[in-house]
Amino acid sequence: MDGPDDGNVFPGNWDVVSDTLLRTYELWFPQNWSPVDLPWDECDSKNFSPEERVAQAYWLSKLALFEKSGIGAFGAAAVQAATHEFEDPTKKFLSAVAFDECRHDEVCRRACSRVCPGFPYKFKPESELEEKAHRNIMALYENGRRYWSAFNQAWGKYPLELIFSSFFFAEIGAQLIFREVGERSTNKVYAGAFRNITKDESRHLTGTLAMLERLAERMTPVQKVMISRQMKHGFIYLSPLLFKPMVDFWKLPEDFFEYDQKLEGLAAGSGLGVPKVEDRKEAWMQAITRHRSKIEELGIPVPEIKEIGVAGLEVSVKKGDEIIATPL
């Protein structure tokens, strides 16, 4: 039989240490929304050309990779928080984020089923563009297997504080991409969905920052440098969506980016407001700059990310290294 210190979700606790985290979790209730209620008639395949349909399905399926991994990652984190007696708002906040990831993935699923039924899992390409779109997505998904394997193994290899703290950086990127897509989208489904998703991600960012502040109090300088490495991992992992794929982790076809850009341009022209790579680069750099002082106040060095113009601590990540960053 397990002893009292072996970790158990029972009996649990109702401890509240961070009032900020509690208030952030409580915002989930008034900000709740349903993807079922979006004006889905505006997202009808008859409204778009075959190229526009597959382009929309392509970007939404790319987004879904990170939303799907978020369901499992935040769900696993909620279980770990409960098992190791983290304060009550931490457990409930992480559970609420996992539900939000389900909701975001549901937007992707519903949109794909309307504009390009069966994409990507049961889709049969009928043109070169469709073939390249399908191949790109399946290559990303196959890489996701490697990510998930490393993430699962991380719980036994790294301190919980390190893994939990790394959630923060992903949310900086998530907030920026969804705000940009919501503002640029002319299709009512996408505009409405991404405005709601932006509210979710803003709440996630506030909550993960509160977690980071709390956890940083008990982290050593060495662990804080490890957080810097996690931030760099986060950039690499999210790069196919928020910038362009970094070869440090992503093993993709040689012409992946060529077709990725062609499809994103078609999607943007058809009402799904995907920002261009240069706009994403600038927005991500500005988002990190906006939060930089707070991160450094906690004694955590911001890593150098030269690809988007962020100066900081040089963190080396070798090609083929495990990536244990957290998803959107």
Protein backbone atom coordinates (compact mmCIF):
# COMPACT_ATOMS: atom_id res chain seq x y z
CA MET A 1 0.00 0.00 0.00
CA ASP A 2 1.23 3.51 -0.81
CA GLY A 3 2.55 5.53 2.07
CA PRO A 4 1.40 9.08 2.90
CA ASP A 5 4.27 10.64 0.93
CA ASP A 6 3.97 8.56 -2.24
CA GLY A 7 1.57 10.95 -3.94
CA ASN A 8 -2.19 10.53 -4.06
CA VAL A 9 -5.09 12.67 -5.27
CA PHE A 10 -6.95 11.83 -2.04
CA PRO A 11 -7.84 13.38 0.31
CA GLY A 12 -6.90 16.53 -1.60
CA ASN A 13 -6.99 20.07 -0.24
CA TRP A 14 -8.77 23.39 -0.62
CA ASP A 15 -5.70 25.50 0.10
CA VAL A 16 -5.52 28.91 -1.60
CA VAL A 17 -2.06 30.48 -1.68
CA SER A 18 -2.28 32.66 -4.80
CA ASP A 19 -5.34 34.91 -4.85
CA THR A 20 -4.41 35.94 -8.41
CA LEU A 21 -4.56 32.35 -9.61
CA LEU A 22 -7.90 31.84 -7.86
CA ARG A 23 -9.41 34.97 -9.46
CA THR A 24 -8.06 33.91 -12.85
CA TYR A 25 -9.64 30.48 -12.55
CA GLU A 26 -12.95 32.06 -11.49
CA LEU A 27 -12.99 34.11 -14.71
CA TRP A 28 -13.53 30.86 -16.61
CA PHE A 29 -17.20 30.82 -15.58
CA PRO A 30 -18.37 34.24 -16.87
CA GLN A 31 -16.15 33.90 -19.96
CA ASN A 32 -17.52 30.49 -20.88
CA TRP A 33 -18.64 30.10 -24.52
CA SER A 34 -19.76 27.31 -26.84
CA PRO A 35 -18.31 26.51 -30.27
CA VAL A 36 -21.68 24.95 -31.10
CA ASP A 37 -23.27 28.42 -31.13
CA LEU A 38 -21.01 29.93 -33.80
CA PRO A 39 -22.72 30.88 -37.12
CA TRP A 40 -21.56 27.73 -38.91
CA ASP A 41 -23.62 28.44 -42.03
CA GLU A 42 -20.97 31.06 -42.84
CA CYS A 43 -18.43 28.23 -43.09
CA ASP A 44 -19.97 26.31 -45.98
CA SER A 45 -17.82 24.54 -48.56
CA LYS A 46 -19.98 25.99 -51.34
CA ASN A 47 -18.68 29.47 -50.46
CA PHE A 48 -15.08 28.62 -51.36
CA SER A 49 -12.99 27.27 -54.22
CA PRO A 50 -11.36 23.82 -53.84
CA GLU A 51 -8.00 25.53 -53.20
CA GLU A 52 -9.49 27.79 -50.51
CA ARG A 53 -11.21 24.85 -48.85
CA VAL A 54 -8.08 22.77 -48.49
CA ALA A 55 -6.08 25.86 -47.43
CA GLN A 56 -8.47 26.59 -44.57
CA ALA A 57 -8.49 22.94 -43.51
CA TYR A 58 -4.69 22.91 -43.70
CA TRP A 59 -4.15 25.82 -41.30
CA LEU A 60 -6.86 24.66 -38.90
CA SER A 61 -5.35 21.16 -38.85
CA LYS A 62 -1.95 22.69 -38.14
CA LEU A 63 -3.45 24.63 -35.24
CA ALA A 64 -5.22 21.47 -34.05
CA LEU A 65 -1.88 19.70 -33.59
CA PHE A 66 -1.05 22.10 -30.78
CA GLU A 67 -4.59 22.21 -29.36
CA LYS A 68 -4.79 18.41 -29.25
CA SER A 69 -1.46 18.14 -27.47
CA GLY A 70 -2.70 20.80 -25.06
CA ILE A 71 -5.63 18.65 -23.96
CA GLY A 72 -3.30 15.87 -22.83
CA ALA A 73 -0.54 18.13 -21.51
CA PHE A 74 -2.72 20.31 -19.29
CA GLY A 75 -4.79 17.30 -18.26
CA ALA A 76 -1.63 15.48 -17.20
CA ALA A 77 -0.46 18.58 -15.36
CA ALA A 78 -3.76 18.78 -13.46
CA VAL A 79 -3.32 15.18 -12.30
CA GLN A 80 0.26 15.85 -11.22
CA ALA A 81 -0.82 18.98 -9.34
CA ALA A 82 -3.50 17.01 -7.49
CA THR A 83 -1.18 14.10 -6.77
CA HIS A 84 1.50 16.32 -5.28
CA GLU A 85 -0.81 18.54 -3.24
CA PHE A 86 -0.43 21.80 -5.15
CA GLU A 87 -2.85 24.50 -4.01
CA ASP A 88 -6.48 24.07 -5.04
CA PRO A 89 -6.61 26.87 -7.69
CA THR A 90 -3.65 25.28 -9.52
CA LYS A 91 -5.50 21.99 -9.97
CA LYS A 92 -8.71 23.66 -11.09
CA PHE A 93 -7.03 26.23 -13.32
CA LEU A 94 -5.12 23.51 -15.18
CA SER A 95 -8.30 21.46 -15.57
CA ALA A 96 -10.12 24.50 -16.99
CA VAL A 97 -7.28 25.07 -19.47
CA ALA A 98 -7.54 21.43 -20.59
CA PHE A 99 -11.25 22.01 -21.26
CA ASP A 100 -10.44 25.18 -23.21
CA GLU A 101 -8.05 23.17 -25.38
CA CYS A 102 -10.92 20.76 -26.12
CA ARG A 103 -13.06 23.73 -27.13
CA HIS A 104 -10.38 25.18 -29.41
CA ASP A 105 -9.80 21.80 -31.04
CA GLU A 106 -13.55 21.51 -31.55
CA VAL A 107 -13.55 24.73 -33.59
CA CYS A 108 -10.86 23.18 -35.81
CA ARG A 109 -12.76 19.90 -36.15
CA ARG A 110 -16.07 21.51 -37.03
CA ALA A 111 -14.54 23.89 -39.55
CA CYS A 112 -12.57 21.14 -41.29
CA SER A 113 -15.63 18.89 -41.46
CA ARG A 114 -17.54 21.67 -43.23
CA VAL A 115 -14.99 23.00 -45.69
CA CYS A 116 -13.01 19.83 -46.40
CA PRO A 117 -14.72 16.70 -44.99
CA GLY A 118 -12.35 14.01 -43.77
CA PHE A 119 -9.29 16.29 -43.62
CA PRO A 120 -6.71 15.22 -42.64
CA TYR A 121 -7.33 11.71 -41.31
CA LYS A 122 -9.59 10.29 -44.05
CA PHE A 123 -8.84 12.72 -46.85
CA LYS A 124 -7.99 11.54 -50.37
CA PRO A 125 -6.13 14.27 -52.33
CA GLU A 126 -7.27 15.00 -55.87
CA SER A 127 -4.71 17.65 -56.86
CA GLU A 128 -1.06 18.44 -56.25
CA LEU A 129 -1.94 21.21 -53.79
CA GLU A 130 -4.22 18.88 -51.84
CA GLU A 131 -1.53 16.19 -51.83
CA LYS A 132 1.08 18.62 -50.50
CA ALA A 133 -1.32 19.99 -47.87
CA HIS A 134 -2.14 16.49 -46.64
CA ARG A 135 1.52 15.42 -46.66
CA ASN A 136 2.58 18.52 -44.69
CA ILE A 137 0.00 17.95 -41.98
CA MET A 138 0.76 14.25 -41.60
CA ALA A 139 4.48 15.08 -41.34
CA LEU A 140 3.71 17.54 -38.53
CA TYR A 141 1.53 14.98 -36.77
CA GLU A 142 4.22 12.33 -37.01
CA ASN A 143 6.69 14.74 -35.40
CA GLY A 144 4.10 15.22 -32.66
CA ARG A 145 4.63 11.61 -31.62
CA ARG A 146 8.24 12.43 -30.78
CA TYR A 147 7.19 15.49 -28.79
CA TRP A 148 4.59 13.58 -26.77
CA SER A 149 7.01 10.78 -25.93
CA ALA A 150 9.50 13.30 -24.51
CA PHE A 151 6.80 15.22 -22.65
CA ASN A 152 5.48 12.06 -21.02
CA GLN A 153 8.94 11.04 -19.87
CA ALA A 154 9.67 14.51 -18.46
CA TRP A 155 7.53 13.97 -15.35
CA GLY A 156 9.99 11.46 -13.96
CA LYS A 157 13.14 13.27 -15.08
CA TYR A 158 12.64 16.93 -14.12
CA PRO A 159 11.36 18.79 -11.03
CA LEU A 160 7.65 19.54 -11.17
CA GLU A 161 8.38 23.25 -10.74
CA LEU A 162 10.41 23.21 -13.95
CA ILE A 163 7.69 21.58 -16.04
CA PHE A 164 4.87 23.70 -14.61
CA SER A 165 6.83 26.92 -15.08
CA SER A 166 7.36 26.22 -18.76
CA PHE A 167 3.63 26.58 -19.49
CA PHE A 168 4.02 30.37 -19.30
CA PHE A 169 6.04 30.90 -22.47
CA ALA A 170 3.63 28.98 -24.70
CA GLU A 171 0.77 31.20 -23.58
CA ILE A 172 2.59 34.36 -24.69
CA GLY A 173 2.66 32.97 -28.20
CA ALA A 174 -0.89 31.65 -28.07
CA GLN A 175 -2.38 34.97 -27.03
CA LEU A 176 -0.68 36.80 -29.90
CA ILE A 177 -1.57 34.40 -32.71
CA PHE A 178 -5.25 34.17 -31.83
CA ARG A 179 -5.66 37.91 -31.41
CA GLU A 180 -4.10 38.45 -34.83
CA VAL A 181 -6.26 35.79 -36.50
CA GLY A 182 -9.45 37.12 -34.88
CA GLU A 183 -8.76 40.69 -35.98
CA ARG A 184 -7.82 39.73 -39.54
CA SER A 185 -10.60 37.22 -40.23
CA THR A 186 -13.51 38.39 -42.38
CA ASN A 187 -15.46 35.14 -42.10
CA LYS A 188 -17.87 35.46 -39.15
CA VAL A 189 -17.17 31.97 -37.82
CA TYR A 190 -13.44 32.52 -37.64
CA ALA A 191 -13.69 36.10 -36.37
CA GLY A 192 -16.06 35.08 -33.57
CA ALA A 193 -14.21 31.89 -32.66
CA PHE A 194 -10.81 33.53 -32.41
CA ARG A 195 -12.10 36.49 -30.42
CA ASN A 196 -13.37 33.99 -27.85
CA ILE A 197 -10.20 31.92 -28.02
CA THR A 198 -8.16 35.08 -27.42
CA LYS A 199 -10.07 35.63 -24.15
CA ASP A 200 -9.23 32.07 -23.14
CA GLU A 201 -5.55 32.52 -23.96
CA SER A 202 -5.36 35.85 -22.12
CA ARG A 203 -6.73 34.09 -19.05
CA HIS A 204 -4.23 31.26 -19.53
CA LEU A 205 -1.38 33.77 -19.73
CA THR A 206 -2.44 35.51 -16.50
CA GLY A 207 -2.81 32.17 -14.72
CA THR A 208 0.46 30.67 -15.88
CA LEU A 209 2.28 33.87 -14.90
CA ALA A 210 0.76 33.58 -11.41
CA MET A 211 1.98 29.97 -11.28
CA LEU A 212 5.43 31.04 -12.44
CA GLU A 213 5.65 33.72 -9.73
CA ARG A 214 4.71 31.22 -7.06
CA LEU A 215 7.05 28.48 -8.29
CA ALA A 216 10.00 30.83 -8.81
CA GLU A 217 10.07 31.48 -5.05
CA ARG A 218 11.35 27.95 -4.48
CA MET A 219 13.55 27.50 -7.53
CA THR A 220 17.35 27.61 -7.46
CA PRO A 221 19.36 29.78 -9.89
CA VAL A 222 20.27 26.61 -11.79
CA GLN A 223 16.60 25.69 -12.16
CA LYS A 224 15.79 29.20 -13.36
CA VAL A 225 18.35 28.83 -16.14
CA MET A 226 16.66 25.54 -17.01
CA ILE A 227 13.43 27.53 -17.42
CA SER A 228 15.26 29.68 -19.97
CA ARG A 229 16.03 26.49 -21.88
CA GLN A 230 12.37 25.50 -21.65
CA MET A 231 11.41 28.85 -23.17
CA LYS A 232 13.73 28.20 -26.10
CA HIS A 233 12.16 24.75 -26.45
CA GLY A 234 8.77 26.44 -26.51
CA PHE A 235 9.84 28.67 -29.38
CA ILE A 236 11.11 25.68 -31.36
CA TYR A 237 8.03 23.57 -30.71
CA LEU A 238 5.53 26.29 -31.65
CA SER A 239 7.56 27.60 -34.59
CA PRO A 240 5.54 25.91 -37.39
CA LEU A 241 2.45 27.82 -36.23
CA LEU A 242 3.84 31.05 -34.81
CA PHE A 243 6.83 31.59 -37.12
CA LYS A 244 8.30 28.94 -39.43
CA PRO A 245 9.54 25.43 -38.56
CA MET A 246 12.88 25.27 -36.77
CA VAL A 247 15.01 22.34 -37.90
CA ASP A 248 16.31 21.87 -34.32
CA PHE A 249 13.29 19.60 -33.81
CA TRP A 250 11.05 19.48 -36.88
CA LYS A 251 11.90 16.85 -39.50
CA LEU A 252 9.84 17.93 -42.48
CA PRO A 253 9.88 17.59 -46.29
CA GLU A 254 12.28 19.90 -48.12
CA ASP A 255 9.48 21.82 -49.82
CA PHE A 256 7.31 21.95 -46.68
CA PHE A 257 7.62 25.69 -46.16
CA GLU A 258 7.03 26.52 -49.85
CA TYR A 259 3.61 24.87 -49.79
CA ASP A 260 2.93 25.97 -46.24
CA GLN A 261 3.17 29.60 -47.38
CA LYS A 262 1.10 29.02 -50.48
CA LEU A 263 -1.69 27.44 -48.42
CA GLU A 264 -1.57 30.10 -45.71
CA GLY A 265 -1.90 32.81 -48.36
CA LEU A 266 -4.96 31.10 -49.85
CA ALA A 267 -6.51 30.71 -46.39
CA ALA A 268 -5.95 34.40 -45.60
CA GLY A 269 -7.51 35.44 -48.88
CA SER A 270 -10.62 33.37 -48.20
CA GLY A 271 -11.50 34.92 -44.84
CA LEU A 272 -9.33 33.03 -42.32
CA GLY A 273 -7.03 35.77 -41.05
CA VAL A 274 -3.68 34.00 -40.95
CA PRO A 275 -0.92 36.62 -40.51
CA LYS A 276 2.17 36.51 -42.72
CA VAL A 277 5.45 35.14 -41.38
CA GLU A 278 7.01 38.60 -40.99
CA ASP A 279 3.97 39.81 -39.06
CA ARG A 280 4.16 36.78 -36.78
CA LYS A 281 7.87 37.35 -36.22
CA GLU A 282 7.30 40.97 -35.21
CA ALA A 283 4.30 40.18 -33.01
CA TRP A 284 6.10 37.38 -31.16
CA MET A 285 9.15 39.56 -30.53
CA GLN A 286 6.93 42.35 -29.18
CA ALA A 287 5.00 39.94 -26.96
CA ILE A 288 8.19 38.65 -25.35
CA THR A 289 9.49 42.20 -24.94
CA ARG A 290 6.22 43.18 -23.22
CA HIS A 291 6.64 40.45 -20.59
CA ARG A 292 10.42 40.50 -20.38
CA SER A 293 10.76 42.71 -17.30
CA LYS A 294 8.39 40.51 -15.28
CA ILE A 295 10.28 37.35 -16.25
CA GLU A 296 13.61 38.89 -15.31
CA GLU A 297 12.25 40.22 -12.01
CA LEU A 298 11.74 36.57 -11.06
CA GLY A 299 15.42 35.88 -11.74
CA ILE A 300 14.72 33.96 -14.95
CA PRO A 301 16.93 34.97 -17.90
CA VAL A 302 15.11 35.43 -21.21
CA PRO A 303 16.77 33.18 -23.79
CA GLU A 304 18.28 34.53 -26.98
CA ILE A 305 15.97 33.84 -29.91
CA LYS A 306 17.88 35.43 -32.75
CA GLU A 307 15.41 34.21 -35.38
CA ILE A 308 12.86 36.77 -34.18
CA GLY A 309 15.27 39.39 -32.85
CA VAL A 310 15.16 38.61 -29.11
CA ALA A 311 18.46 39.15 -27.27
CA GLY A 312 19.18 37.20 -24.11
CA LEU A 313 20.92 34.21 -22.58
CA GLU A 314 22.49 31.97 -25.21
CA VAL A 315 20.89 28.56 -24.94
CA SER A 316 22.17 25.81 -27.17
CA VAL A 317 19.68 23.28 -28.48
CA LYS A 318 21.20 20.57 -30.66
CA LYS A 319 19.37 19.05 -33.58
CA GLY A 320 17.57 15.95 -32.36
CA ASP A 321 17.37 17.08 -28.71
CA GLU A 322 14.24 16.17 -26.81
CA ILE A 323 11.71 19.00 -26.77
CA ILE A 324 9.60 19.02 -23.60
CA ALA A 325 8.01 22.41 -24.05
CA THR A 326 4.33 22.79 -23.30
CA PRO A 327 1.75 23.42 -26.02
CA LEU A 328 -0.77 26.21 -26.53
